[in-house]
């Protein structure tokens, strides 16, 4: 590949701007009510096999030309363009639902200030508790004590084998049968923490076991305590290995927190159903909730990436 001279960089920047402007133009036309769906109308007027084949070839040609032009650009620029184009397609897809943007914008403050904050609060508390459970559970499963290891194995088997929705119901409605009444929010946090703590226990255990047994024995032969062996030898090497899968579990927990709406917690999913039911605009509220979930997931993805770079054993080469 030729080196990026100032002229080539300018051409790359121009292509990126042109692509972005094309996508934004399509969005603007749709928002202004300008009909650009001429190809579909043409196909409706003439549905002969020849026309269908010609239109298909045209679309394939446009796709190939776009892919070829994008392939000439630097990798980072390619990623930006692909994101812009795919985002434009997603927006156009939702616009075909004839959604009321005015209604969605009017409900956005409530969804953010109450629904999103409640969802984030429950998710962050659950993530913190689940992480502590996972660390303790992994140590317990690796313990030489059969009772401790057996209890940890039973815990992970139970909470990974029972659906999360059922766990929420069992904690919220089952504990009062034993004389302990629990509110909806603590019940939801407990269910999320126990369920994802079980999954993350296996992730942490696998990360710790990936460190060779010789390092455990060498550290113990130097007189280090079990806690020092874990904190100074094992965990610094295991953390970079477990960050990606645990990050995925965090994102999954954020989305699965929507299940606590079944016990009346006013989080995103609960609000989207109730606010949309009053005017029968369910789809608008569901799409708005989906976009907010996506935005929060992007934030978690960004944080996960930062953690991966921070703990990467090859920091100079990480990009």
Protein backbone atom coordinates (compact mmCIF):
# COMPACT_ATOMS: atom_id res chain seq x y z
CA UNK A 1 0.00 0.00 0.00
CA UNK A 2 1.26 3.46 -0.90
CA UNK A 3 2.16 5.82 1.98
CA UNK A 4 -0.43 8.43 2.94
CA UNK A 5 0.79 11.66 1.32
CA UNK A 6 -1.04 14.95 2.03
CA UNK A 7 -2.77 14.64 -1.35
CA UNK A 8 -3.99 11.11 -0.61
CA UNK A 9 -5.17 12.16 2.84
CA UNK A 10 -7.17 15.00 1.31
CA UNK A 11 -8.76 12.62 -1.18
CA UNK A 12 -9.59 10.21 1.64
CA UNK A 13 -11.14 13.01 3.65
CA UNK A 14 -13.12 14.15 0.63
CA UNK A 15 -14.49 10.65 0.02
CA UNK A 16 -15.46 10.32 3.66
CA UNK A 17 -17.25 13.66 3.64
CA UNK A 18 -19.01 12.80 0.37
CA UNK A 19 -20.24 9.50 1.75
CA UNK A 20 -21.41 11.09 4.97
CA UNK A 21 -23.18 13.85 3.06
CA UNK A 22 -24.90 11.27 0.86
CA UNK A 23 -26.23 9.42 3.90
CA UNK A 24 -27.31 12.65 5.58
CA UNK A 25 -29.01 13.79 2.38
CA UNK A 26 -31.11 10.64 2.31
CA UNK A 27 -32.11 11.24 5.91
CA UNK A 28 -32.96 14.87 5.24
CA UNK A 29 -35.09 13.91 2.22
CA UNK A 30 -37.00 11.44 4.32
CA UNK A 31 -37.53 13.93 7.16
CA UNK A 32 -38.74 16.59 4.70
CA UNK A 33 -41.17 14.16 3.12
CA UNK A 34 -39.38 13.96 -0.23
CA UNK A 35 -40.04 10.59 -1.86
CA UNK A 36 -36.82 9.00 -3.05
CA UNK A 37 -38.21 5.48 -3.35
CA UNK A 38 -38.40 5.67 -7.11
CA UNK A 39 -36.90 2.23 -7.71
CA UNK A 40 -39.59 0.47 -5.72
CA UNK A 41 -42.35 2.31 -7.61
CA UNK A 42 -40.73 1.44 -10.89
CA UNK A 43 -40.71 -2.20 -9.92
CA UNK A 44 -44.39 -2.01 -9.01
CA UNK A 45 -45.20 -0.67 -12.48
CA UNK A 46 -43.15 -3.26 -14.29
CA UNK A 47 -42.55 -6.51 -12.46
CA UNK A 48 -41.25 -8.43 -15.43
CA UNK A 49 -38.31 -10.77 -14.81
CA UNK A 50 -36.10 -8.60 -17.01
CA UNK A 51 -36.78 -5.50 -14.90
CA UNK A 52 -36.30 -7.41 -11.67
CA UNK A 53 -32.99 -8.84 -12.87
CA UNK A 54 -31.81 -5.43 -14.08
CA UNK A 55 -32.66 -3.77 -10.78
CA UNK A 56 -30.92 -6.52 -8.85
CA UNK A 57 -27.80 -6.14 -10.96
CA UNK A 58 -27.92 -2.38 -10.48
CA UNK A 59 -28.09 -2.74 -6.70
CA UNK A 60 -25.26 -5.27 -6.74
CA UNK A 61 -23.20 -2.91 -8.88
CA UNK A 62 -23.80 -0.01 -6.49
CA UNK A 63 -22.86 -2.20 -3.55
CA UNK A 64 -19.70 -3.40 -5.28
CA UNK A 65 -18.70 0.15 -6.24
CA UNK A 66 -19.27 1.37 -2.68
CA UNK A 67 -17.25 -1.54 -1.26
CA UNK A 68 -14.41 -0.91 -3.72
CA UNK A 69 -14.21 2.81 -2.94
CA UNK A 70 -14.30 2.20 0.80
CA UNK A 71 -11.60 -0.49 0.51
CA UNK A 72 -9.17 2.12 -0.84
CA UNK A 73 -9.36 4.13 2.37
CA UNK A 74 -7.46 3.64 5.65
CA UNK A 75 -8.91 1.13 8.10
CA UNK A 76 -10.22 3.72 10.58
CA UNK A 77 -11.90 5.65 7.79
CA UNK A 78 -13.46 2.45 6.48
CA UNK A 79 -14.96 1.75 9.89
CA UNK A 80 -16.38 5.26 10.17
CA UNK A 81 -17.97 5.07 6.72
CA UNK A 82 -19.45 1.63 7.35
CA UNK A 83 -20.95 2.89 10.62
CA UNK A 84 -22.44 5.92 8.88
CA UNK A 85 -23.93 3.86 6.07
CA UNK A 86 -25.34 1.13 8.29
CA UNK A 87 -26.70 3.69 10.75
CA UNK A 88 -28.43 5.45 7.87
CA UNK A 89 -30.00 2.17 6.79
CA UNK A 90 -31.21 1.47 10.34
CA UNK A 91 -32.75 4.94 10.60
CA UNK A 92 -34.45 4.57 7.22
CA UNK A 93 -35.74 1.16 8.27
CA UNK A 94 -37.39 2.64 11.36
CA UNK A 95 -38.76 5.58 9.38
CA UNK A 96 -40.74 3.18 7.23
CA UNK A 97 -42.84 2.42 10.33
CA UNK A 98 -44.43 5.89 10.12
CA UNK A 99 -43.36 6.68 13.65
CA UNK A 100 -44.39 9.91 15.36
CA UNK A 101 -41.08 11.66 16.05
CA UNK A 102 -42.89 14.42 17.94
CA UNK A 103 -44.37 11.89 20.35
CA UNK A 104 -41.02 10.14 20.82
CA UNK A 105 -39.22 13.42 21.52
CA UNK A 106 -41.90 14.47 24.01
CA UNK A 107 -41.41 11.24 25.99
CA UNK A 108 -37.62 11.25 25.78
CA UNK A 109 -37.00 13.27 29.00
CA UNK A 110 -39.13 10.88 31.08
CA UNK A 111 -37.48 7.84 29.52
CA UNK A 112 -34.03 9.23 30.26
CA UNK A 113 -34.52 10.83 33.67
CA UNK A 114 -36.58 8.04 35.18
CA UNK A 115 -36.36 4.93 33.05
CA UNK A 116 -32.71 5.07 32.00
CA UNK A 117 -31.49 6.18 35.44
CA UNK A 118 -33.39 3.36 37.13
CA UNK A 119 -32.04 0.85 34.62
CA UNK A 120 -28.48 2.10 35.09
CA UNK A 121 -28.77 2.11 38.87
CA UNK A 122 -30.07 -1.46 39.00
CA UNK A 123 -27.50 -2.63 36.45
CA UNK A 124 -24.51 -1.00 38.17
CA UNK A 125 -25.44 -2.35 41.59
CA UNK A 126 -26.04 -5.80 40.12
CA UNK A 127 -22.76 -5.69 38.19
CA UNK A 128 -20.83 -4.76 41.35
CA UNK A 129 -22.40 -7.50 43.45
CA UNK A 130 -22.11 -10.08 40.67
CA UNK A 131 -18.40 -9.29 40.26
CA UNK A 132 -17.76 -9.89 43.95
CA UNK A 133 -19.78 -13.12 43.83
CA UNK A 134 -17.83 -14.25 40.77
CA UNK A 135 -14.47 -13.65 42.44
CA UNK A 136 -15.46 -15.50 45.60
CA UNK A 137 -17.17 -18.25 43.62
CA UNK A 138 -14.13 -18.83 41.44
CA UNK A 139 -11.86 -19.15 44.49
CA UNK A 140 -14.37 -21.51 46.09
CA UNK A 141 -14.54 -23.74 43.01
CA UNK A 142 -10.74 -23.97 42.95
CA UNK A 143 -10.58 -24.73 46.66
CA UNK A 144 -9.17 -28.04 47.84
CA UNK A 145 -11.95 -28.17 50.43
CA UNK A 146 -14.64 -30.44 49.02
CA UNK A 147 -17.51 -28.79 50.92
CA UNK A 148 -16.64 -25.30 49.71
CA UNK A 149 -16.06 -26.46 46.15
CA UNK A 150 -19.28 -28.49 46.19
CA UNK A 151 -21.34 -25.51 47.42
CA UNK A 152 -19.89 -23.27 44.69
CA UNK A 153 -20.54 -25.90 42.03
CA UNK A 154 -24.14 -26.31 43.20
CA UNK A 155 -24.65 -22.53 43.13
CA UNK A 156 -23.39 -22.12 39.56
CA UNK A 157 -25.39 -25.12 38.37
CA UNK A 158 -28.63 -23.88 39.94
CA UNK A 159 -28.50 -20.25 38.84
CA UNK A 160 -27.22 -21.02 35.35
CA UNK A 161 -29.85 -23.72 34.89
CA UNK A 162 -32.93 -21.74 35.96
CA UNK A 163 -34.25 -18.95 33.68
CA UNK A 164 -33.61 -15.45 34.98
CA UNK A 165 -37.30 -14.53 34.79
CA UNK A 166 -38.16 -17.46 37.03
CA UNK A 167 -35.45 -16.42 39.50
CA UNK A 168 -36.96 -12.94 39.71
CA UNK A 169 -40.39 -14.41 40.49
CA UNK A 170 -38.99 -16.92 43.00
CA UNK A 171 -37.10 -14.25 44.95
CA UNK A 172 -39.85 -11.63 44.83
CA UNK A 173 -42.77 -13.95 45.60
CA UNK A 174 -40.98 -16.86 47.27
CA UNK A 175 -39.16 -15.08 50.07
CA UNK A 176 -42.42 -13.65 51.56
CA UNK A 177 -43.56 -17.25 51.97
CA UNK A 178 -40.65 -17.66 54.38
CA UNK A 179 -41.62 -14.53 56.29
CA UNK A 180 -39.20 -12.11 54.61
CA UNK A 181 -40.95 -9.46 52.55
CA UNK A 182 -38.67 -7.89 49.96
CA UNK A 183 -39.31 -4.86 47.77
CA UNK A 184 -39.24 -5.06 43.99
CA UNK A 185 -35.93 -3.24 43.45
CA UNK A 186 -33.87 -5.33 45.92
CA UNK A 187 -35.49 -8.48 44.51
CA UNK A 188 -34.52 -7.51 40.97
CA UNK A 189 -30.97 -6.66 41.99
CA UNK A 190 -30.63 -9.92 43.92
CA UNK A 191 -31.86 -12.00 40.98
CA UNK A 192 -29.58 -10.28 38.46
CA UNK A 193 -26.59 -10.49 40.80
CA UNK A 194 -27.02 -14.17 41.60
CA UNK A 195 -27.73 -15.17 38.01
CA UNK A 196 -24.86 -13.29 36.39
CA UNK A 197 -22.57 -13.99 39.32
CA UNK A 198 -22.91 -17.68 38.45
CA UNK A 199 -21.98 -17.09 34.80
CA UNK A 200 -19.10 -14.81 35.69
CA UNK A 201 -17.83 -17.31 38.28
CA UNK A 202 -17.06 -19.72 35.47
CA UNK A 203 -15.34 -16.96 33.47
CA UNK A 204 -13.10 -15.94 36.37
CA UNK A 205 -12.37 -19.58 37.24
CA UNK A 206 -11.35 -20.34 33.66
CA UNK A 207 -9.13 -17.24 33.58
CA UNK A 208 -7.39 -18.23 36.81
CA UNK A 209 -6.93 -21.83 35.69
CA UNK A 210 -5.37 -20.66 32.42
CA UNK A 211 -2.30 -19.62 34.45
CA UNK A 212 0.08 -22.54 34.59
CA UNK A 213 0.17 -24.54 37.80
CA UNK A 214 3.92 -24.01 37.97
CA UNK A 215 3.44 -20.31 38.70
CA UNK A 216 1.13 -21.12 41.60
CA UNK A 217 3.66 -23.53 43.04
CA UNK A 218 6.62 -21.21 42.43
CA UNK A 219 4.86 -18.34 44.23
CA UNK A 220 4.00 -20.56 47.17
CA UNK A 221 7.59 -21.85 47.33
CA UNK A 222 8.75 -18.24 47.75
CA UNK A 223 6.70 -18.02 50.93
CA UNK A 224 3.85 -15.91 49.57
CA UNK A 225 0.50 -16.22 51.28
CA UNK A 226 -2.48 -17.50 49.26
CA UNK A 227 -3.84 -13.95 49.09
CA UNK A 228 -0.50 -12.61 47.80
CA UNK A 229 -0.31 -15.37 45.21
CA UNK A 230 -3.72 -14.37 43.87
CA UNK A 231 -3.25 -10.60 44.03
CA UNK A 232 0.36 -10.37 42.82
CA UNK A 233 0.83 -13.34 40.50
CA UNK A 234 -2.41 -14.89 39.26
CA UNK A 235 -4.93 -12.05 38.94
CA UNK A 236 -2.61 -9.62 37.06
CA UNK A 237 -2.26 -12.29 34.36
CA UNK A 238 -5.87 -13.47 34.44
CA UNK A 239 -7.57 -10.06 34.31
CA UNK A 240 -6.68 -9.29 30.65
CA UNK A 241 -8.11 -12.70 29.69
CA UNK A 242 -11.44 -12.29 31.48
CA UNK A 243 -12.20 -8.64 30.64
CA UNK A 244 -13.75 -9.33 27.18
CA UNK A 245 -16.16 -12.10 28.28
CA UNK A 246 -17.04 -10.30 31.52
CA UNK A 247 -17.65 -7.12 29.51
CA UNK A 248 -20.11 -9.09 27.38
CA UNK A 249 -21.85 -10.24 30.55
CA UNK A 250 -22.16 -6.63 31.73
CA UNK A 251 -23.84 -5.64 28.47
CA UNK A 252 -26.14 -8.66 28.65
CA UNK A 253 -27.09 -7.76 32.22
CA UNK A 254 -27.94 -4.21 31.15
CA UNK A 255 -30.41 -5.59 28.61
CA UNK A 256 -31.74 -8.36 30.85
CA UNK A 257 -32.51 -5.77 33.52
CA UNK A 258 -35.64 -5.15 31.44
CA UNK A 259 -37.03 -8.38 32.93
CA UNK A 260 -37.46 -6.71 36.32
CA UNK A 261 -40.32 -4.74 34.77
CA UNK A 262 -42.53 -7.80 35.43
CA UNK A 263 -42.47 -6.99 39.16
CA UNK A 264 -43.40 -3.34 38.64
CA UNK A 265 -40.05 -1.56 38.62
CA UNK A 266 -40.24 1.66 36.63
CA UNK A 267 -37.28 1.04 34.36
CA UNK A 268 -37.06 1.55 30.59
CA UNK A 269 -39.19 -1.38 29.48
CA UNK A 270 -41.91 -0.72 32.06
CA UNK A 271 -42.13 2.94 31.09
CA UNK A 272 -42.13 2.19 27.36
CA UNK A 273 -45.10 -0.14 27.76
CA UNK A 274 -47.10 2.19 29.99
CA UNK A 275 -46.42 5.45 28.15
CA UNK A 276 -47.18 3.84 24.81
CA UNK A 277 -50.40 2.16 25.95
CA UNK A 278 -52.14 5.44 26.76
CA UNK A 279 -52.21 6.54 23.12
CA UNK A 280 -51.69 3.11 21.50
CA UNK A 281 -48.27 4.22 20.25
CA UNK A 282 -46.47 1.13 21.45
CA UNK A 283 -44.03 0.93 18.55
CA UNK A 284 -42.74 4.47 19.08
CA UNK A 285 -41.94 3.77 22.71
CA UNK A 286 -40.36 0.40 22.02
CA UNK A 287 -38.11 1.90 19.35
CA UNK A 288 -37.16 4.75 21.70
CA UNK A 289 -36.35 2.28 24.49
CA UNK A 290 -34.30 0.18 22.07
CA UNK A 291 -32.26 3.20 21.01
CA UNK A 292 -31.59 4.16 24.64
CA UNK A 293 -30.50 0.59 25.44
CA UNK A 294 -28.22 0.67 22.42
CA UNK A 295 -26.68 3.98 23.47
CA UNK A 296 -25.98 2.68 26.99
CA UNK A 297 -24.50 -0.51 25.51
CA UNK A 298 -22.16 1.59 23.37
CA UNK A 299 -20.94 3.35 26.51
CA UNK A 300 -20.23 -0.02 28.14
CA UNK A 301 -18.44 -1.20 24.99
CA UNK A 302 -16.26 1.90 25.11
CA UNK A 303 -15.46 1.32 28.78
CA UNK A 304 -14.65 -2.32 28.06
CA UNK A 305 -12.28 -1.29 25.30
CA UNK A 306 -10.51 1.15 27.62
CA UNK A 307 -10.10 -1.56 30.24
CA UNK A 308 -8.71 -3.96 27.64
CA UNK A 309 -6.11 -1.37 26.62
CA UNK A 310 -5.27 -0.58 30.24
CA UNK A 311 -4.59 -4.19 31.20
CA UNK A 312 -3.23 -5.33 27.85
CA UNK A 313 0.21 -6.99 28.12
CA UNK A 314 1.12 -5.36 24.78
CA UNK A 315 0.22 -1.73 25.44
CA UNK A 316 2.69 -0.18 22.94
CA UNK A 317 1.07 -2.15 20.10
CA UNK A 318 -2.55 -1.67 21.18
CA UNK A 319 -4.54 0.66 19.03
